[in-house]
Amino acid sequence: MQAVVLTLLMLYTAWIDTRTHCIPDWLCLSVALTAILHFRGVDAVLGLGVAILFIVVALPTENGIGGGDIKLVAALGFSLGLLNSVAIVLIALITFLIVYRLVWRDPSRAYPLGAFFAAGTIVVLWMPILFFGRNV
């Protein structure tokens, strides 16, 4: 159930961030609230720590990572736990770097990361289900 709800929320996140370059607070809160469907205890609190990395990276940059991206990573960390959120971030950033190098290449422009976080989330949520028959 959590995988389906999070997938739908992340697809909407990708769509809205691509169109407006903004991830609404209510959407981040909705992602965090999916933790109710499968609460992970201490792992959920540790998952919030992944957002700290983004804060450290975002501080010194002018067109860096936005506040919505940081809140989304914190919500994903709380909802899915530490290891899953690290996997999501790695998949998202590697995919972003590949697309940036092949397609965009304009360092002065801001790029929406919501779609890449959505892709990472969908991979982390559905790969275990499709290949191993179990949830994360």
C-alpha atoms as a PDB file:
ATOM      1  CA  MET A   1       0.000   0.000   0.000  1.00  0.00           C
ATOM      2  CA  GLN A   2       2.796   2.441   0.912  1.00  0.00           C
ATOM      3  CA  ALA A   3       4.565   1.725  -2.389  1.00  0.00           C
ATOM      4  CA  VAL A   4       1.466   2.592  -4.404  1.00  0.00           C
ATOM      5  CA  VAL A   5       0.723   5.807  -2.485  1.00  0.00           C
ATOM      6  CA  LEU A   6       4.359   6.960  -2.592  1.00  0.00           C
ATOM      7  CA  THR A   7       4.600   6.172  -6.301  1.00  0.00           C
ATOM      8  CA  LEU A   8       1.570   8.328  -7.054  1.00  0.00           C
ATOM      9  CA  LEU A   9       2.849  11.169  -4.856  1.00  0.00           C
ATOM     10  CA  MET A  10       6.302  11.050  -6.441  1.00  0.00           C
ATOM     11  CA  LEU A  11       4.901  11.022  -9.976  1.00  0.00           C
ATOM     12  CA  TYR A  12       2.949  14.155  -9.090  1.00  0.00           C
ATOM     13  CA  THR A  13       6.107  15.624  -7.526  1.00  0.00           C
ATOM     14  CA  ALA A  14       7.996  15.028 -10.770  1.00  0.00           C
ATOM     15  CA  TRP A  15       5.249  16.658 -12.800  1.00  0.00           C
ATOM     16  CA  ILE A  16       4.796  19.723 -10.588  1.00  0.00           C
ATOM     17  CA  ASP A  17       8.546  20.312 -10.055  1.00  0.00           C
ATOM     18  CA  THR A  18       9.242  20.049 -13.783  1.00  0.00           C
ATOM     19  CA  ARG A  19       6.508  22.567 -14.566  1.00  0.00           C
ATOM     20  CA  THR A  20       6.987  25.077 -11.737  1.00  0.00           C
ATOM     21  CA  HIS A  21      10.457  24.404 -10.265  1.00  0.00           C
ATOM     22  CA  CYS A  22       8.737  24.234  -6.892  1.00  0.00           C
ATOM     23  CA  ILE A  23       7.824  21.340  -4.594  1.00  0.00           C
ATOM     24  CA  PRO A  24       4.905  22.403  -2.385  1.00  0.00           C
ATOM     25  CA  ASP A  25       5.129  21.902   1.378  1.00  0.00           C
ATOM     26  CA  TRP A  26       1.866  19.941   1.424  1.00  0.00           C
ATOM     27  CA  LEU A  27       3.396  17.428  -0.980  1.00  0.00           C
ATOM     28  CA  CYS A  28       6.459  16.910   1.247  1.00  0.00           C
ATOM     29  CA  LEU A  29       4.160  16.511   4.242  1.00  0.00           C
ATOM     30  CA  SER A  30       2.068  13.967   2.335  1.00  0.00           C
ATOM     31  CA  VAL A  31       5.193  11.943   1.543  1.00  0.00           C
ATOM     32  CA  ALA A  32       6.210  12.024   5.212  1.00  0.00           C
ATOM     33  CA  LEU A  33       2.722  10.938   6.295  1.00  0.00           C
ATOM     34  CA  THR A  34       3.025   7.741   4.256  1.00  0.00           C
ATOM     35  CA  ALA A  35       5.243   6.556   7.120  1.00  0.00           C
ATOM     36  CA  ILE A  36       1.961   5.802   8.914  1.00  0.00           C
ATOM     37  CA  LEU A  37       1.394   2.972   6.441  1.00  0.00           C
ATOM     38  CA  HIS A  38       4.685   1.275   7.390  1.00  0.00           C
ATOM     39  CA  PHE A  39       6.459   2.984  10.288  1.00  0.00           C
ATOM     40  CA  ARG A  40      10.143   2.115  10.613  1.00  0.00           C
ATOM     41  CA  GLY A  41      10.863   3.415  14.145  1.00  0.00           C
ATOM     42  CA  VAL A  42      14.457   4.504  14.752  1.00  0.00           C
ATOM     43  CA  ASP A  43      15.288   3.951  11.072  1.00  0.00           C
ATOM     44  CA  ALA A  44      12.748   6.659  10.182  1.00  0.00           C
ATOM     45  CA  VAL A  45      14.475   9.165  12.437  1.00  0.00           C
ATOM     46  CA  LEU A  46      17.882   8.205  11.032  1.00  0.00           C
ATOM     47  CA  GLY A  47      16.473   8.661   7.539  1.00  0.00           C
ATOM     48  CA  LEU A  48      15.926  12.330   8.322  1.00  0.00           C
ATOM     49  CA  GLY A  49      19.708  12.657   8.562  1.00  0.00           C
ATOM     50  CA  VAL A  50      20.096  12.283   4.805  1.00  0.00           C
ATOM     51  CA  ALA A  51      18.588  15.755   4.436  1.00  0.00           C
ATOM     52  CA  ILE A  52      21.455  17.171   6.516  1.00  0.00           C
ATOM     53  CA  LEU A  53      23.823  16.272   3.672  1.00  0.00           C
ATOM     54  CA  PHE A  54      21.670  18.319   1.329  1.00  0.00           C
ATOM     55  CA  ILE A  55      21.672  21.286   3.670  1.00  0.00           C
ATOM     56  CA  VAL A  56      25.484  21.201   3.810  1.00  0.00           C
ATOM     57  CA  VAL A  57      25.674  21.039  -0.003  1.00  0.00           C
ATOM     58  CA  ALA A  58      23.011  23.686  -0.580  1.00  0.00           C
ATOM     59  CA  LEU A  59      24.442  26.360   1.737  1.00  0.00           C
ATOM     60  CA  PRO A  60      27.498  27.428  -0.290  1.00  0.00           C
ATOM     61  CA  THR A  61      25.787  27.349  -3.700  1.00  0.00           C
ATOM     62  CA  GLU A  62      23.734  30.087  -5.302  1.00  0.00           C
ATOM     63  CA  ASN A  63      21.731  27.977  -7.777  1.00  0.00           C
ATOM     64  CA  GLY A  64      22.125  24.764  -5.809  1.00  0.00           C
ATOM     65  CA  ILE A  65      19.646  22.473  -4.217  1.00  0.00           C
ATOM     66  CA  GLY A  66      16.387  24.163  -3.277  1.00  0.00           C
ATOM     67  CA  GLY A  67      14.469  24.049  -0.031  1.00  0.00           C
ATOM     68  CA  GLY A  68      11.732  21.883  -1.539  1.00  0.00           C
ATOM     69  CA  ASP A  69      14.310  19.277  -2.547  1.00  0.00           C
ATOM     70  CA  ILE A  70      15.727  19.222   0.980  1.00  0.00           C
ATOM     71  CA  LYS A  71      12.273  18.865   2.530  1.00  0.00           C
ATOM     72  CA  LEU A  72      11.402  16.111   0.050  1.00  0.00           C
ATOM     73  CA  VAL A  73      14.562  14.162   0.926  1.00  0.00           C
ATOM     74  CA  ALA A  74      13.780  14.556   4.636  1.00  0.00           C
ATOM     75  CA  ALA A  75      10.222  13.300   4.037  1.00  0.00           C
ATOM     76  CA  LEU A  76      11.480  10.329   2.012  1.00  0.00           C
ATOM     77  CA  GLY A  77      14.045   9.544   4.704  1.00  0.00           C
ATOM     78  CA  PHE A  78      11.374   9.605   7.399  1.00  0.00           C
ATOM     79  CA  SER A  79       9.004   7.511   5.344  1.00  0.00           C
ATOM     80  CA  LEU A  80      11.448   4.899   3.999  1.00  0.00           C
ATOM     81  CA  GLY A  81      14.354   4.894   6.439  1.00  0.00           C
ATOM     82  CA  LEU A  82      18.075   5.533   6.193  1.00  0.00           C
ATOM     83  CA  LEU A  83      19.291   2.931   3.689  1.00  0.00           C
ATOM     84  CA  ASN A  84      16.378   3.366   1.314  1.00  0.00           C
ATOM     85  CA  SER A  85      16.717   7.147   1.332  1.00  0.00           C
ATOM     86  CA  VAL A  86      20.466   6.930   0.686  1.00  0.00           C
ATOM     87  CA  ALA A  87      19.737   4.625  -2.263  1.00  0.00           C
ATOM     88  CA  ILE A  88      17.102   7.050  -3.581  1.00  0.00           C
ATOM     89  CA  VAL A  89      19.495   9.991  -3.356  1.00  0.00           C
ATOM     90  CA  LEU A  90      22.312   8.093  -5.073  1.00  0.00           C
ATOM     91  CA  ILE A  91      20.058   6.921  -7.912  1.00  0.00           C
ATOM     92  CA  ALA A  92      18.586  10.415  -8.297  1.00  0.00           C
ATOM     93  CA  LEU A  93      21.915  12.236  -8.351  1.00  0.00           C
ATOM     94  CA  ILE A  94      23.641   9.753 -10.671  1.00  0.00           C
ATOM     95  CA  THR A  95      20.692   9.958 -13.063  1.00  0.00           C
ATOM     96  CA  PHE A  96      20.729  13.753 -12.829  1.00  0.00           C
ATOM     97  CA  LEU A  97      24.464  13.902 -13.602  1.00  0.00           C
ATOM     98  CA  ILE A  98      24.040  11.667 -16.640  1.00  0.00           C
ATOM     99  CA  VAL A  99      21.161  13.764 -18.002  1.00  0.00           C
ATOM    100  CA  TYR A 100      23.001  17.000 -17.188  1.00  0.00           C
ATOM    101  CA  ARG A 101      26.142  15.889 -19.032  1.00  0.00           C
ATOM    102  CA  LEU A 102      24.272  14.527 -22.049  1.00  0.00           C
ATOM    103  CA  VAL A 103      21.427  17.005 -22.449  1.00  0.00           C
ATOM    104  CA  TRP A 104      21.461  20.210 -20.424  1.00  0.00           C
ATOM    105  CA  ARG A 105      25.028  21.432 -19.793  1.00  0.00           C
ATOM    106  CA  ASP A 106      24.095  24.943 -18.616  1.00  0.00           C
ATOM    107  CA  PRO A 107      25.523  25.535 -15.119  1.00  0.00           C
ATOM    108  CA  SER A 108      23.825  28.927 -14.725  1.00  0.00           C
ATOM    109  CA  ARG A 109      20.335  27.421 -14.915  1.00  0.00           C
ATOM    110  CA  ALA A 110      18.363  25.775 -12.080  1.00  0.00           C
ATOM    111  CA  TYR A 111      17.154  22.266 -12.791  1.00  0.00           C
ATOM    112  CA  PRO A 112      14.239  20.481 -11.118  1.00  0.00           C
ATOM    113  CA  LEU A 113      15.429  17.510  -9.073  1.00  0.00           C
ATOM    114  CA  GLY A 114      11.926  16.280  -8.192  1.00  0.00           C
ATOM    115  CA  ALA A 115      11.722  14.038 -11.251  1.00  0.00           C
ATOM    116  CA  PHE A 116      15.030  12.412 -10.370  1.00  0.00           C
ATOM    117  CA  PHE A 117      13.971  11.821  -6.763  1.00  0.00           C
ATOM    118  CA  ALA A 118      10.751  10.312  -8.141  1.00  0.00           C
ATOM    119  CA  ALA A 119      12.722   7.957 -10.373  1.00  0.00           C
ATOM    120  CA  GLY A 120      14.981   6.932  -7.496  1.00  0.00           C
ATOM    121  CA  THR A 121      11.991   6.348  -5.230  1.00  0.00           C
ATOM    122  CA  ILE A 122      10.176   4.223  -7.792  1.00  0.00           C
ATOM    123  CA  VAL A 123      13.282   2.082  -8.378  1.00  0.00           C
ATOM    124  CA  VAL A 124      13.857   1.581  -4.634  1.00  0.00           C
ATOM    125  CA  LEU A 125      10.189   0.784  -3.983  1.00  0.00           C
ATOM    126  CA  TRP A 126       9.436  -1.501  -6.914  1.00  0.00           C
ATOM    127  CA  MET A 127      12.700  -3.378  -7.650  1.00  0.00           C
ATOM    128  CA  PRO A 128      12.398  -5.599  -4.542  1.00  0.00           C
ATOM    129  CA  ILE A 129       8.727  -6.247  -5.287  1.00  0.00           C
ATOM    130  CA  LEU A 130       9.268  -7.097  -8.947  1.00  0.00           C
ATOM    131  CA  PHE A 131      12.426  -9.164  -8.565  1.00  0.00           C
ATOM    132  CA  PHE A 132      12.173 -10.663  -5.079  1.00  0.00           C
ATOM    133  CA  GLY A 133       8.442 -10.540  -4.311  1.00  0.00           C
ATOM    134  CA  ARG A 134       8.798  -8.457  -1.142  1.00  0.00           C
ATOM    135  CA  ASN A 135       8.425  -4.837  -0.017  1.00  0.00           C
ATOM    136  CA  VAL A 136      11.276  -2.622   1.133  1.00  0.00           C
END
